[in-house]
Amino acid sequence: MNKKRLADIPPNSRSYQNEQAKVVPMQLQNNEATKRLVLHSAKRVIAAHQAELRKLADK
């Protein structure tokens, strides 16, 4: 399986539907702000794929 990673795609060739969809690099630290950011992102991903996750859990 040959997965493409964001780092493999040159920044000038990336196209975005809107400015808010851009992925920007950032340094994660061991603090409360980073913890909140990661938890918020994880909850959004889980909510977006909840039906798929339920099907996998029921297997």
PDB file of N, CA and C in Angstrom:
ATOM      1  N   MET A   1       0.837  -1.167   0.000  1.00  0.00           N
ATOM      2  CA  MET A   1       0.000   0.000   0.000  1.00  0.00           C
ATOM      3  C   MET A   1       0.891   1.241   0.000  1.00  0.00           C
ATOM      4  N   ASN A   2       0.729   2.095  -0.964  1.00  0.00           N
ATOM      5  CA  ASN A   2       1.566   3.278  -1.093  1.00  0.00           C
ATOM      6  C   ASN A   2       0.748   4.511  -0.735  1.00  0.00           C
ATOM      7  N   LYS A   3       0.832   4.921   0.519  1.00  0.00           N
ATOM      8  CA  LYS A   3       0.062   6.077   0.972  1.00  0.00           C
ATOM      9  C   LYS A   3       0.855   7.347   0.751  1.00  0.00           C
ATOM     10  N   LYS A   4       0.164   8.377   0.274  1.00  0.00           N
ATOM     11  CA  LYS A   4       0.798   9.682   0.153  1.00  0.00           C
ATOM     12  C   LYS A   4       0.632  10.423   1.461  1.00  0.00           C
ATOM     13  N   ARG A   5       1.665  11.089   1.863  1.00  0.00           N
ATOM     14  CA  ARG A   5       1.609  11.906   3.070  1.00  0.00           C
ATOM     15  C   ARG A   5       1.697  13.370   2.655  1.00  0.00           C
ATOM     16  N   LEU A   6       1.172  14.231   3.505  1.00  0.00           N
ATOM     17  CA  LEU A   6       1.180  15.653   3.197  1.00  0.00           C
ATOM     18  C   LEU A   6       2.597  16.157   2.949  1.00  0.00           C
ATOM     19  N   ALA A   7       3.562  15.618   3.672  1.00  0.00           N
ATOM     20  CA  ALA A   7       4.949  16.055   3.512  1.00  0.00           C
ATOM     21  C   ALA A   7       5.506  15.685   2.134  1.00  0.00           C
ATOM     22  N   ASP A   8       4.911  14.676   1.467  1.00  0.00           N
ATOM     23  CA  ASP A   8       5.382  14.251   0.152  1.00  0.00           C
ATOM     24  C   ASP A   8       4.892  15.163  -0.974  1.00  0.00           C
ATOM     25  N   ILE A   9       3.909  16.006  -0.692  1.00  0.00           N
ATOM     26  CA  ILE A   9       3.322  16.872  -1.714  1.00  0.00           C
ATOM     27  C   ILE A   9       3.891  18.279  -1.540  1.00  0.00           C
ATOM     28  N   PRO A  10       4.503  18.835  -2.586  1.00  0.00           N
ATOM     29  CA  PRO A  10       5.070  20.179  -2.455  1.00  0.00           C
ATOM     30  C   PRO A  10       3.982  21.211  -2.123  1.00  0.00           C
ATOM     31  N   PRO A  11       4.279  22.164  -1.238  1.00  0.00           N
ATOM     32  CA  PRO A  11       3.262  23.148  -0.827  1.00  0.00           C
ATOM     33  C   PRO A  11       2.654  23.935  -1.980  1.00  0.00           C
ATOM     34  N   ASN A  12       3.437  24.229  -3.019  1.00  0.00           N
ATOM     35  CA  ASN A  12       2.900  25.034  -4.120  1.00  0.00           C
ATOM     36  C   ASN A  12       1.962  24.247  -5.035  1.00  0.00           C
ATOM     37  N   SER A  13       1.886  22.925  -4.895  1.00  0.00           N
ATOM     38  CA  SER A  13       0.987  22.141  -5.744  1.00  0.00           C
ATOM     39  C   SER A  13      -0.302  21.757  -5.022  1.00  0.00           C
ATOM     40  N   ARG A  14      -0.421  22.119  -3.759  1.00  0.00           N
ATOM     41  CA  ARG A  14      -1.626  21.793  -2.995  1.00  0.00           C
ATOM     42  C   ARG A  14      -2.735  22.774  -3.347  1.00  0.00           C
ATOM     43  N   SER A  15      -3.924  22.239  -3.586  1.00  0.00           N
ATOM     44  CA  SER A  15      -5.057  23.121  -3.862  1.00  0.00           C
ATOM     45  C   SER A  15      -6.088  22.957  -2.754  1.00  0.00           C
ATOM     46  N   TYR A  16      -6.715  24.047  -2.383  1.00  0.00           N
ATOM     47  CA  TYR A  16      -7.681  24.049  -1.298  1.00  0.00           C
ATOM     48  C   TYR A  16      -8.976  24.682  -1.785  1.00  0.00           C
ATOM     49  N   GLN A  17     -10.097  24.154  -1.296  1.00  0.00           N
ATOM     50  CA  GLN A  17     -11.378  24.739  -1.667  1.00  0.00           C
ATOM     51  C   GLN A  17     -11.566  26.088  -0.983  1.00  0.00           C
ATOM     52  N   ASN A  18     -11.051  26.220   0.209  1.00  0.00           N
ATOM     53  CA  ASN A  18     -11.112  27.504   0.904  1.00  0.00           C
ATOM     54  C   ASN A  18      -9.894  27.642   1.810  1.00  0.00           C
ATOM     55  N   GLU A  19      -9.674  28.841   2.266  1.00  0.00           N
ATOM     56  CA  GLU A  19      -8.487  29.114   3.082  1.00  0.00           C
ATOM     57  C   GLU A  19      -8.520  28.396   4.427  1.00  0.00           C
ATOM     58  N   GLN A  20      -9.712  28.160   4.986  1.00  0.00           N
ATOM     59  CA  GLN A  20      -9.809  27.516   6.283  1.00  0.00           C
ATOM     60  C   GLN A  20      -9.423  26.040   6.224  1.00  0.00           C
ATOM     61  N   ALA A  21      -9.400  25.446   5.044  1.00  0.00           N
ATOM     62  CA  ALA A  21      -9.089  24.027   4.908  1.00  0.00           C
ATOM     63  C   ALA A  21      -7.587  23.758   4.837  1.00  0.00           C
ATOM     64  N   LYS A  22      -6.781  24.792   4.825  1.00  0.00           N
ATOM     65  CA  LYS A  22      -5.338  24.603   4.716  1.00  0.00           C
ATOM     66  C   LYS A  22      -4.787  23.861   5.926  1.00  0.00           C
ATOM     67  N   VAL A  23      -3.817  23.031   5.659  1.00  0.00           N
ATOM     68  CA  VAL A  23      -3.099  22.330   6.724  1.00  0.00           C
ATOM     69  C   VAL A  23      -1.807  23.093   6.958  1.00  0.00           C
ATOM     70  N   VAL A  24      -1.586  23.462   8.191  1.00  0.00           N
ATOM     71  CA  VAL A  24      -0.377  24.211   8.513  1.00  0.00           C
ATOM     72  C   VAL A  24       0.451  23.421   9.520  1.00  0.00           C
ATOM     73  N   PRO A  25       1.761  23.438   9.377  1.00  0.00           N
ATOM     74  CA  PRO A  25       2.604  22.727  10.340  1.00  0.00           C
ATOM     75  C   PRO A  25       2.603  23.451  11.682  1.00  0.00           C
ATOM     76  N   MET A  26       2.692  22.690  12.750  1.00  0.00           N
ATOM     77  CA  MET A  26       2.772  23.295  14.073  1.00  0.00           C
ATOM     78  C   MET A  26       3.519  22.368  15.017  1.00  0.00           C
ATOM     79  N   GLN A  27       4.139  22.958  16.004  1.00  0.00           N
ATOM     80  CA  GLN A  27       4.855  22.195  17.012  1.00  0.00           C
ATOM     81  C   GLN A  27       3.909  21.897  18.167  1.00  0.00           C
ATOM     82  N   LEU A  28       3.724  20.626  18.477  1.00  0.00           N
ATOM     83  CA  LEU A  28       2.896  20.255  19.613  1.00  0.00           C
ATOM     84  C   LEU A  28       3.775  20.184  20.852  1.00  0.00           C
ATOM     85  N   GLN A  29       3.248  20.701  21.945  1.00  0.00           N
ATOM     86  CA  GLN A  29       3.996  20.721  23.195  1.00  0.00           C
ATOM     87  C   GLN A  29       3.236  19.934  24.249  1.00  0.00           C
ATOM     88  N   ASN A  30       3.859  19.721  25.356  1.00  0.00           N
ATOM     89  CA  ASN A  30       3.236  18.985  26.446  1.00  0.00           C
ATOM     90  C   ASN A  30       2.583  19.980  27.407  1.00  0.00           C
ATOM     91  N   ASN A  31       1.429  20.549  26.971  1.00  0.00           N
ATOM     92  CA  ASN A  31       0.727  21.511  27.815  1.00  0.00           C
ATOM     93  C   ASN A  31      -0.781  21.377  27.607  1.00  0.00           C
ATOM     94  N   GLU A  32      -1.541  22.139  28.374  1.00  0.00           N
ATOM     95  CA  GLU A  32      -3.004  22.042  28.332  1.00  0.00           C
ATOM     96  C   GLU A  32      -3.579  22.467  26.982  1.00  0.00           C
ATOM     97  N   ALA A  33      -3.003  23.481  26.357  1.00  0.00           N
ATOM     98  CA  ALA A  33      -3.519  23.954  25.072  1.00  0.00           C
ATOM     99  C   ALA A  33      -3.397  22.867  24.005  1.00  0.00           C
ATOM    100  N   THR A  34      -2.270  22.191  23.960  1.00  0.00           N
ATOM    101  CA  THR A  34      -2.075  21.106  23.001  1.00  0.00           C
ATOM    102  C   THR A  34      -3.029  19.959  23.301  1.00  0.00           C
ATOM    103  N   LYS A  35      -3.207  19.647  24.569  1.00  0.00           N
ATOM    104  CA  LYS A  35      -4.125  18.573  24.955  1.00  0.00           C
ATOM    105  C   LYS A  35      -5.544  18.883  24.490  1.00  0.00           C
ATOM    106  N   ARG A  36      -5.996  20.127  24.696  1.00  0.00           N
ATOM    107  CA  ARG A  36      -7.341  20.522  24.255  1.00  0.00           C
ATOM    108  C   ARG A  36      -7.473  20.429  22.746  1.00  0.00           C
ATOM    109  N   LEU A  37      -6.443  20.871  22.025  1.00  0.00           N
ATOM    110  CA  LEU A  37      -6.466  20.835  20.565  1.00  0.00           C
ATOM    111  C   LEU A  37      -6.562  19.407  20.045  1.00  0.00           C
ATOM    112  N   VAL A  38      -5.755  18.518  20.593  1.00  0.00           N
ATOM    113  CA  VAL A  38      -5.744  17.122  20.149  1.00  0.00           C
ATOM    114  C   VAL A  38      -7.063  16.435  20.494  1.00  0.00           C
ATOM    115  N   LEU A  39      -7.581  16.655  21.698  1.00  0.00           N
ATOM    116  CA  LEU A  39      -8.857  16.048  22.082  1.00  0.00           C
ATOM    117  C   LEU A  39      -9.999  16.559  21.212  1.00  0.00           C
ATOM    118  N   HIS A  40     -10.015  17.850  20.922  1.00  0.00           N
ATOM    119  CA  HIS A  40     -11.056  18.421  20.072  1.00  0.00           C
ATOM    120  C   HIS A  40     -11.001  17.803  18.672  1.00  0.00           C
ATOM    121  N   SER A  41      -9.798  17.691  18.121  1.00  0.00           N
ATOM    122  CA  SER A  41      -9.642  17.104  16.786  1.00  0.00           C
ATOM    123  C   SER A  41     -10.073  15.646  16.773  1.00  0.00           C
ATOM    124  N   ALA A  42      -9.689  14.901  17.791  1.00  0.00           N
ATOM    125  CA  ALA A  42     -10.062  13.484  17.865  1.00  0.00           C
ATOM    126  C   ALA A  42     -11.571  13.324  17.971  1.00  0.00           C
ATOM    127  N   LYS A  43     -12.214  14.160  18.768  1.00  0.00           N
ATOM    128  CA  LYS A  43     -13.672  14.086  18.907  1.00  0.00           C
ATOM    129  C   LYS A  43     -14.374  14.406  17.593  1.00  0.00           C
ATOM    130  N   ARG A  44     -13.847  15.355  16.832  1.00  0.00           N
ATOM    131  CA  ARG A  44     -14.442  15.695  15.530  1.00  0.00           C
ATOM    132  C   ARG A  44     -14.325  14.527  14.558  1.00  0.00           C
ATOM    133  N   VAL A  45     -13.172  13.868  14.535  1.00  0.00           N
ATOM    134  CA  VAL A  45     -12.975  12.721  13.643  1.00  0.00           C
ATOM    135  C   VAL A  45     -13.908  11.586  14.039  1.00  0.00           C
ATOM    136  N   ILE A  46     -14.013  11.314  15.325  1.00  0.00           N
ATOM    137  CA  ILE A  46     -14.897  10.246  15.799  1.00  0.00           C
ATOM    138  C   ILE A  46     -16.341  10.556  15.444  1.00  0.00           C
ATOM    139  N   ALA A  47     -16.770  11.797  15.648  1.00  0.00           N
ATOM    140  CA  ALA A  47     -18.147  12.178  15.327  1.00  0.00           C
ATOM    141  C   ALA A  47     -18.419  12.064  13.829  1.00  0.00           C
ATOM    142  N   ALA A  48     -17.451  12.427  13.011  1.00  0.00           N
ATOM    143  CA  ALA A  48     -17.634  12.380  11.562  1.00  0.00           C
ATOM    144  C   ALA A  48     -17.723  10.949  11.040  1.00  0.00           C
ATOM    145  N   HIS A  49     -17.078  10.006  11.709  1.00  0.00           N
ATOM    146  CA  HIS A  49     -17.030   8.623  11.232  1.00  0.00           C
ATOM    147  C   HIS A  49     -17.719   7.663  12.191  1.00  0.00           C
ATOM    148  N   GLN A  50     -18.660   8.164  12.967  1.00  0.00           N
ATOM    149  CA  GLN A  50     -19.285   7.361  14.007  1.00  0.00           C
ATOM    150  C   GLN A  50     -19.995   6.128  13.454  1.00  0.00           C
ATOM    151  N   ALA A  51     -20.711   6.264  12.353  1.00  0.00           N
ATOM    152  CA  ALA A  51     -21.431   5.120  11.784  1.00  0.00           C
ATOM    153  C   ALA A  51     -20.453   4.027  11.355  1.00  0.00           C
ATOM    154  N   GLU A  52     -19.368   4.427  10.729  1.00  0.00           N
ATOM    155  CA  GLU A  52     -18.352   3.466  10.286  1.00  0.00           C
ATOM    156  C   GLU A  52     -17.703   2.765  11.484  1.00  0.00           C
ATOM    157  N   LEU A  53     -17.432   3.521  12.537  1.00  0.00           N
ATOM    158  CA  LEU A  53     -16.831   2.935  13.734  1.00  0.00           C
ATOM    159  C   LEU A  53     -17.782   1.953  14.409  1.00  0.00           C
ATOM    160  N   ARG A  54     -19.077   2.270  14.419  1.00  0.00           N
ATOM    161  CA  ARG A  54     -20.065   1.361  15.015  1.00  0.00           C
ATOM    162  C   ARG A  54     -20.127   0.041  14.240  1.00  0.00           C
ATOM    163  N   LYS A  55     -20.067   0.113  12.907  1.00  0.00           N
ATOM    164  CA  LYS A  55     -20.091  -1.105  12.093  1.00  0.00           C
ATOM    165  C   LYS A  55     -18.873  -1.968  12.390  1.00  0.00           C
ATOM    166  N   LEU A  56     -17.719  -1.340  12.558  1.00  0.00           N
ATOM    167  CA  LEU A  56     -16.507  -2.097  12.881  1.00  0.00           C
ATOM    168  C   LEU A  56     -16.610  -2.719  14.271  1.00  0.00           C
ATOM    169  N   ALA A  57     -17.199  -2.009  15.210  1.00  0.00           N
ATOM    170  CA  ALA A  57     -17.336  -2.527  16.571  1.00  0.00           C
ATOM    171  C   ALA A  57     -18.301  -3.705  16.626  1.00  0.00           C
ATOM    172  N   ASP A  58     -19.289  -3.732  15.738  1.00  0.00           N
ATOM    173  CA  ASP A  58     -20.291  -4.795  15.741  1.00  0.00           C
ATOM    174  C   ASP A  58     -19.824  -6.062  15.035  1.00  0.00           C
ATOM    175  N   LYS A  59     -18.680  -6.027  14.387  1.00  0.00           N
ATOM    176  CA  LYS A  59     -18.184  -7.212  13.670  1.00  0.00           C
ATOM    177  C   LYS A  59     -17.814  -8.309  14.625  1.00  0.00           C
TER     178      LYS A  59
END
